[in-house]
Amino acid sequence: MLTLSHLAFDDVATLLARYDLRLQRVDDGEPIPGSYWGDTEAGLIGSTVYARGDTPLHSLLHEAAHLIVLPPERRAQVHTDATDSIEEEDAVCVLQCLLGDAIPGASRERIFEDMDSWGYSFRLGSARAYVEQDAESSWQWLAERGLVRLPERVLAA
């Protein structure tokens, strides 16, 4: 599992800053504020994503993606749980994979693998199959919000 400690913290923080988010490092062994799943999983409060060195990158990117898709006024209200929308959750799964490509030492392929290892479940059996073959409505949802370019299926600038 690729964790925050495997990467340059500043590379991840810089990516999040592109979306007006802040990455806050949590000391090893300390509870992660705003973590929905607890343990090593990333947390979020407002526009801040919390993570330790042992936080899986896919978790950090998933939580960040929840904030990225929200307008700033909604971000301010977030604490621990970002949404109850199935459409948003599905789109966030696509977005977190694309964000992996924007971090040196990571990739969407690695995020696919780690999502599968963690236990994400998709109708076609894998994160890659979902993103590449079963997520048309999510791609459209993200494009309508200016977050991806279609038909290239890449992050918007």
Foldseek 3Di string as FASTA:
>chain_A
DAFQLNADVVLVQVLLVVLVAGEDEDEPPDWAFQAQVTDQAWHAAQRYIYGYRRHHLLRSQLVSLLLSLDDNVLSNVDGNDRDPDPLSSLLSLLRSLQVQCSGPPGHSVNSFVVCVVVPDQDPVGTSVCCNPPNRVSSLVSCVVSQQADPPVSHGHD
